[in-house]
N, C-alpha and C. Protein backbone atom coordinates (compact mmCIF):
# COMPACT_ATOMS: atom_id res chain seq x y z
N UNK A 1 -18.16 -10.65 4.15
CA UNK A 1 -17.15 -9.61 4.30
C UNK A 1 -17.83 -8.33 4.75
N UNK A 2 -17.29 -7.68 5.76
CA UNK A 2 -17.89 -6.45 6.26
C UNK A 2 -17.67 -5.32 5.26
N UNK A 3 -18.49 -4.30 5.37
CA UNK A 3 -18.37 -3.17 4.46
C UNK A 3 -17.01 -2.50 4.55
N UNK A 4 -16.47 -2.40 5.77
CA UNK A 4 -15.16 -1.76 5.97
C UNK A 4 -14.04 -2.58 5.34
N UNK A 5 -14.20 -3.90 5.31
CA UNK A 5 -13.15 -4.76 4.77
C UNK A 5 -13.31 -5.02 3.28
N UNK A 6 -14.39 -4.57 2.68
CA UNK A 6 -14.64 -4.81 1.26
C UNK A 6 -13.61 -4.06 0.42
N UNK A 7 -12.97 -4.78 -0.51
CA UNK A 7 -11.94 -4.13 -1.33
C UNK A 7 -12.53 -3.09 -2.28
N UNK A 8 -11.69 -2.16 -2.69
CA UNK A 8 -12.07 -1.15 -3.67
C UNK A 8 -11.46 -1.56 -5.00
N UNK A 9 -12.25 -1.48 -6.04
CA UNK A 9 -11.80 -1.91 -7.36
C UNK A 9 -11.62 -0.72 -8.29
N UNK A 10 -10.80 -0.93 -9.31
CA UNK A 10 -10.55 0.12 -10.30
C UNK A 10 -11.83 0.45 -11.07
N UNK A 11 -12.69 -0.54 -11.26
CA UNK A 11 -13.96 -0.32 -11.95
C UNK A 11 -14.94 -1.40 -11.51
N UNK A 12 -16.20 -1.20 -11.83
CA UNK A 12 -17.23 -2.18 -11.49
C UNK A 12 -16.97 -3.51 -12.21
N UNK A 13 -16.58 -3.42 -13.48
CA UNK A 13 -16.29 -4.63 -14.26
C UNK A 13 -15.14 -5.43 -13.65
N UNK A 14 -14.05 -4.73 -13.28
CA UNK A 14 -12.92 -5.43 -12.66
C UNK A 14 -13.30 -6.01 -11.30
N UNK A 15 -14.21 -5.35 -10.61
CA UNK A 15 -14.69 -5.87 -9.33
C UNK A 15 -15.42 -7.19 -9.53
N UNK A 16 -16.29 -7.25 -10.53
CA UNK A 16 -17.02 -8.49 -10.81
C UNK A 16 -16.05 -9.60 -11.23
N UNK A 17 -15.07 -9.26 -12.07
CA UNK A 17 -14.08 -10.24 -12.51
C UNK A 17 -13.28 -10.76 -11.31
N UNK A 18 -12.85 -9.86 -10.45
CA UNK A 18 -12.05 -10.25 -9.29
C UNK A 18 -12.84 -11.16 -8.36
N UNK A 19 -14.10 -10.84 -8.11
CA UNK A 19 -14.93 -11.66 -7.24
C UNK A 19 -15.12 -13.06 -7.83
N UNK A 20 -15.26 -13.14 -9.14
CA UNK A 20 -15.37 -14.44 -9.81
C UNK A 20 -14.08 -15.24 -9.63
N UNK A 21 -12.95 -14.57 -9.82
CA UNK A 21 -11.67 -15.25 -9.67
C UNK A 21 -11.44 -15.69 -8.23
N UNK A 22 -11.91 -14.91 -7.26
CA UNK A 22 -11.81 -15.32 -5.85
C UNK A 22 -12.57 -16.62 -5.61
N UNK A 23 -13.75 -16.74 -6.20
CA UNK A 23 -14.53 -17.97 -6.06
C UNK A 23 -13.80 -19.15 -6.70
N UNK A 24 -13.23 -18.93 -7.88
CA UNK A 24 -12.48 -20.00 -8.54
C UNK A 24 -11.28 -20.41 -7.69
N UNK A 25 -10.61 -19.43 -7.09
CA UNK A 25 -9.46 -19.72 -6.23
C UNK A 25 -9.90 -20.50 -4.99
N UNK A 26 -11.01 -20.08 -4.41
CA UNK A 26 -11.54 -20.75 -3.22
C UNK A 26 -11.85 -22.22 -3.50
N UNK A 27 -12.26 -22.52 -4.73
CA UNK A 27 -12.61 -23.90 -5.11
C UNK A 27 -11.43 -24.65 -5.75
N UNK A 28 -10.26 -24.02 -5.77
CA UNK A 28 -9.07 -24.69 -6.27
C UNK A 28 -8.89 -24.68 -7.77
N UNK A 29 -9.70 -23.89 -8.48
CA UNK A 29 -9.60 -23.86 -9.94
C UNK A 29 -8.43 -23.00 -10.43
N UNK A 30 -7.99 -22.04 -9.61
CA UNK A 30 -6.81 -21.25 -9.96
C UNK A 30 -5.87 -21.22 -8.75
N UNK A 31 -4.59 -21.08 -9.04
CA UNK A 31 -3.60 -21.12 -7.95
C UNK A 31 -3.39 -19.75 -7.31
N UNK A 32 -2.61 -19.75 -6.24
CA UNK A 32 -2.35 -18.54 -5.46
C UNK A 32 -1.64 -17.46 -6.29
N UNK A 33 -0.69 -17.86 -7.11
CA UNK A 33 0.06 -16.89 -7.93
C UNK A 33 -0.87 -16.19 -8.93
N UNK A 34 -1.77 -16.93 -9.53
CA UNK A 34 -2.73 -16.33 -10.47
C UNK A 34 -3.64 -15.36 -9.73
N UNK A 35 -4.07 -15.75 -8.54
CA UNK A 35 -4.93 -14.86 -7.75
C UNK A 35 -4.21 -13.58 -7.39
N UNK A 36 -2.94 -13.67 -7.08
CA UNK A 36 -2.16 -12.45 -6.79
C UNK A 36 -2.12 -11.52 -7.99
N UNK A 37 -1.96 -12.08 -9.18
CA UNK A 37 -1.94 -11.24 -10.40
C UNK A 37 -3.28 -10.53 -10.57
N UNK A 38 -4.37 -11.22 -10.27
CA UNK A 38 -5.67 -10.57 -10.36
C UNK A 38 -5.83 -9.50 -9.28
N UNK A 39 -5.29 -9.73 -8.10
CA UNK A 39 -5.33 -8.70 -7.05
C UNK A 39 -4.68 -7.42 -7.55
N UNK A 40 -3.50 -7.55 -8.11
CA UNK A 40 -2.76 -6.39 -8.58
C UNK A 40 -3.50 -5.70 -9.72
N UNK A 41 -4.07 -6.47 -10.62
CA UNK A 41 -4.74 -5.90 -11.79
C UNK A 41 -6.07 -5.24 -11.46
N UNK A 42 -6.78 -5.78 -10.49
CA UNK A 42 -8.15 -5.33 -10.25
C UNK A 42 -8.32 -4.34 -9.11
N UNK A 43 -7.49 -4.46 -8.09
CA UNK A 43 -7.69 -3.62 -6.92
C UNK A 43 -7.20 -2.20 -7.14
N UNK A 44 -7.82 -1.27 -6.45
CA UNK A 44 -7.48 0.14 -6.57
C UNK A 44 -6.03 0.38 -6.15
N UNK A 45 -5.32 1.21 -6.89
CA UNK A 45 -3.93 1.51 -6.51
C UNK A 45 -3.87 2.26 -5.18
N UNK A 46 -2.69 2.30 -4.61
CA UNK A 46 -2.48 2.96 -3.33
C UNK A 46 -2.81 4.45 -3.44
N UNK A 47 -3.51 4.96 -2.43
CA UNK A 47 -3.86 6.37 -2.42
C UNK A 47 -2.70 7.20 -1.89
N UNK A 48 -2.67 8.47 -2.26
CA UNK A 48 -1.61 9.38 -1.84
C UNK A 48 -1.72 9.67 -0.34
N UNK A 49 -0.58 10.02 0.26
CA UNK A 49 -0.52 10.41 1.66
C UNK A 49 -0.19 11.89 1.76
N UNK A 50 -0.88 12.59 2.67
CA UNK A 50 -0.53 13.99 2.88
C UNK A 50 0.66 14.04 3.85
N UNK A 51 1.30 15.21 3.96
CA UNK A 51 2.49 15.33 4.82
C UNK A 51 2.27 14.86 6.26
N UNK A 52 1.13 15.19 6.84
CA UNK A 52 0.85 14.80 8.23
C UNK A 52 0.75 13.28 8.36
N UNK A 53 0.18 12.61 7.36
CA UNK A 53 0.05 11.16 7.41
C UNK A 53 1.42 10.48 7.32
N UNK A 54 2.31 11.02 6.50
CA UNK A 54 3.66 10.46 6.38
C UNK A 54 4.40 10.60 7.71
N UNK A 55 4.30 11.77 8.30
CA UNK A 55 4.95 12.00 9.59
C UNK A 55 4.38 11.07 10.65
N UNK A 56 3.06 10.86 10.62
CA UNK A 56 2.40 9.98 11.60
C UNK A 56 2.89 8.54 11.45
N UNK A 57 3.06 8.07 10.22
CA UNK A 57 3.57 6.71 9.99
C UNK A 57 4.97 6.59 10.58
N UNK A 58 5.81 7.59 10.31
CA UNK A 58 7.19 7.57 10.82
C UNK A 58 7.20 7.60 12.35
N UNK A 59 6.43 8.48 12.94
CA UNK A 59 6.41 8.61 14.39
C UNK A 59 5.81 7.37 15.05
N UNK A 60 4.81 6.77 14.43
CA UNK A 60 4.23 5.53 14.96
C UNK A 60 5.29 4.43 15.02
N UNK A 61 6.21 4.43 14.05
CA UNK A 61 7.29 3.46 14.03
C UNK A 61 8.38 3.82 15.04
N UNK A 62 8.37 5.05 15.53
CA UNK A 62 9.40 5.50 16.47
C UNK A 62 10.72 5.78 15.79
N UNK A 63 10.67 6.15 14.51
CA UNK A 63 11.88 6.37 13.71
C UNK A 63 12.17 7.86 13.54
N UNK A 64 13.45 8.18 13.49
CA UNK A 64 13.86 9.52 13.08
C UNK A 64 13.68 9.59 11.56
N UNK A 65 13.80 10.78 11.00
CA UNK A 65 13.71 10.90 9.55
C UNK A 65 14.83 10.10 8.88
N UNK A 66 16.02 10.11 9.46
CA UNK A 66 17.16 9.39 8.88
C UNK A 66 16.92 7.88 8.87
N UNK A 67 16.42 7.35 9.96
CA UNK A 67 16.17 5.90 10.04
C UNK A 67 15.02 5.52 9.12
N UNK A 68 13.98 6.34 9.07
CA UNK A 68 12.85 6.08 8.18
C UNK A 68 13.31 6.09 6.73
N UNK A 69 14.19 7.02 6.40
CA UNK A 69 14.73 7.09 5.04
C UNK A 69 15.47 5.80 4.68
N UNK A 70 16.24 5.27 5.62
CA UNK A 70 16.94 4.01 5.38
C UNK A 70 15.96 2.87 5.13
N UNK A 71 14.87 2.84 5.90
CA UNK A 71 13.87 1.78 5.75
C UNK A 71 13.19 1.84 4.39
N UNK A 72 13.00 3.07 3.86
CA UNK A 72 12.33 3.24 2.57
C UNK A 72 13.30 3.32 1.40
N UNK A 73 14.61 3.29 1.70
CA UNK A 73 15.65 3.39 0.68
C UNK A 73 15.57 4.71 -0.10
N UNK A 74 15.37 5.79 0.65
CA UNK A 74 15.36 7.14 0.07
C UNK A 74 16.27 8.00 0.94
N UNK A 75 16.44 9.26 0.57
CA UNK A 75 17.30 10.15 1.35
C UNK A 75 16.52 10.79 2.50
N UNK A 76 17.25 11.19 3.52
CA UNK A 76 16.65 11.90 4.64
C UNK A 76 16.02 13.20 4.15
N UNK A 77 16.68 13.85 3.22
CA UNK A 77 16.16 15.09 2.65
C UNK A 77 14.79 14.87 2.00
N UNK A 78 14.62 13.73 1.33
CA UNK A 78 13.34 13.45 0.67
C UNK A 78 12.24 13.24 1.71
N UNK A 79 12.55 12.53 2.79
CA UNK A 79 11.56 12.34 3.86
C UNK A 79 11.13 13.71 4.40
N UNK A 80 12.10 14.59 4.63
CA UNK A 80 11.80 15.93 5.12
C UNK A 80 10.91 16.69 4.14
N UNK A 81 11.20 16.59 2.86
CA UNK A 81 10.38 17.28 1.85
C UNK A 81 8.97 16.72 1.79
N UNK A 82 8.82 15.40 1.95
CA UNK A 82 7.48 14.80 2.00
C UNK A 82 6.70 15.35 3.18
N UNK A 83 7.37 15.41 4.34
CA UNK A 83 6.68 15.85 5.55
C UNK A 83 6.36 17.34 5.54
N UNK A 84 7.07 18.11 4.74
CA UNK A 84 6.76 19.54 4.59
C UNK A 84 5.82 19.80 3.41
N UNK A 85 5.53 18.77 2.62
CA UNK A 85 4.63 18.92 1.49
C UNK A 85 5.29 19.49 0.24
N UNK A 86 6.62 19.53 0.22
CA UNK A 86 7.33 20.06 -0.94
C UNK A 86 7.38 19.04 -2.08
N UNK A 87 7.35 17.77 -1.73
CA UNK A 87 7.33 16.69 -2.71
C UNK A 87 6.33 15.66 -2.24
N UNK A 88 5.90 14.78 -3.17
CA UNK A 88 4.96 13.71 -2.83
C UNK A 88 5.57 12.37 -3.19
N UNK A 89 5.40 11.38 -2.32
CA UNK A 89 5.92 10.06 -2.65
C UNK A 89 5.14 9.44 -3.80
N UNK A 90 5.82 8.59 -4.56
CA UNK A 90 5.16 7.90 -5.67
C UNK A 90 5.82 6.54 -5.86
N UNK A 91 5.24 5.75 -6.72
CA UNK A 91 5.80 4.45 -7.07
C UNK A 91 6.05 3.55 -5.87
N UNK A 92 7.22 2.91 -5.84
CA UNK A 92 7.52 1.97 -4.77
C UNK A 92 7.50 2.62 -3.37
N UNK A 93 7.91 3.88 -3.29
CA UNK A 93 7.90 4.55 -1.98
C UNK A 93 6.48 4.67 -1.45
N UNK A 94 5.55 4.98 -2.33
CA UNK A 94 4.16 5.11 -1.93
C UNK A 94 3.61 3.76 -1.45
N UNK A 95 3.98 2.71 -2.15
CA UNK A 95 3.54 1.37 -1.76
C UNK A 95 4.14 0.97 -0.41
N UNK A 96 5.41 1.29 -0.19
CA UNK A 96 6.04 0.98 1.09
C UNK A 96 5.38 1.75 2.24
N UNK A 97 5.05 3.01 1.99
CA UNK A 97 4.35 3.80 3.01
C UNK A 97 2.99 3.17 3.35
N UNK A 98 2.28 2.72 2.32
CA UNK A 98 0.97 2.09 2.54
C UNK A 98 1.12 0.81 3.36
N UNK A 99 2.15 0.03 3.05
CA UNK A 99 2.39 -1.20 3.82
C UNK A 99 2.74 -0.88 5.27
N UNK A 100 3.60 0.14 5.46
CA UNK A 100 3.99 0.53 6.81
C UNK A 100 2.78 1.01 7.60
N UNK A 101 1.87 1.70 6.94
CA UNK A 101 0.67 2.20 7.62
C UNK A 101 -0.26 1.05 7.99
N UNK A 102 -0.52 0.15 7.06
CA UNK A 102 -1.52 -0.90 7.30
C UNK A 102 -0.99 -2.09 8.07
N UNK A 103 0.28 -2.45 7.86
CA UNK A 103 0.83 -3.66 8.48
C UNK A 103 1.93 -3.39 9.49
N UNK A 104 2.34 -2.12 9.60
CA UNK A 104 3.41 -1.78 10.53
C UNK A 104 4.75 -1.74 9.84
N UNK A 105 5.67 -1.03 10.45
CA UNK A 105 6.99 -0.82 9.84
C UNK A 105 7.75 -2.13 9.63
N UNK A 106 7.49 -3.13 10.47
CA UNK A 106 8.18 -4.42 10.32
C UNK A 106 7.87 -5.09 8.99
N UNK A 107 6.76 -4.75 8.37
CA UNK A 107 6.40 -5.35 7.08
C UNK A 107 7.35 -4.95 5.97
N UNK A 108 8.07 -3.84 6.14
CA UNK A 108 8.97 -3.40 5.07
C UNK A 108 10.44 -3.52 5.44
N UNK A 109 10.73 -3.98 6.64
CA UNK A 109 12.13 -4.11 7.05
C UNK A 109 12.70 -5.46 6.68
């Protein structure tokens, strides 16, 4: 695995545990669902986005604020506040933004 593709872990201990579980999964000792649970438990949570990054994700998708709001299931006003830095996305919205950034807007539609 290249350095750029190496996952970030919540802690060194969780990193070692996750790598062990990946080996067990690779050898068929644990199933895909169990591996997903370890991914969620061990990997670093989604990082925050600044206003410019949120706007860039929206513009990359070619969406207006209203359409982007529909895709994220939030209000147009909230998208505007995020892009002006008045509010910050959190929870599921933050995860959806991360998916849209890394996998493209189609990943959340």
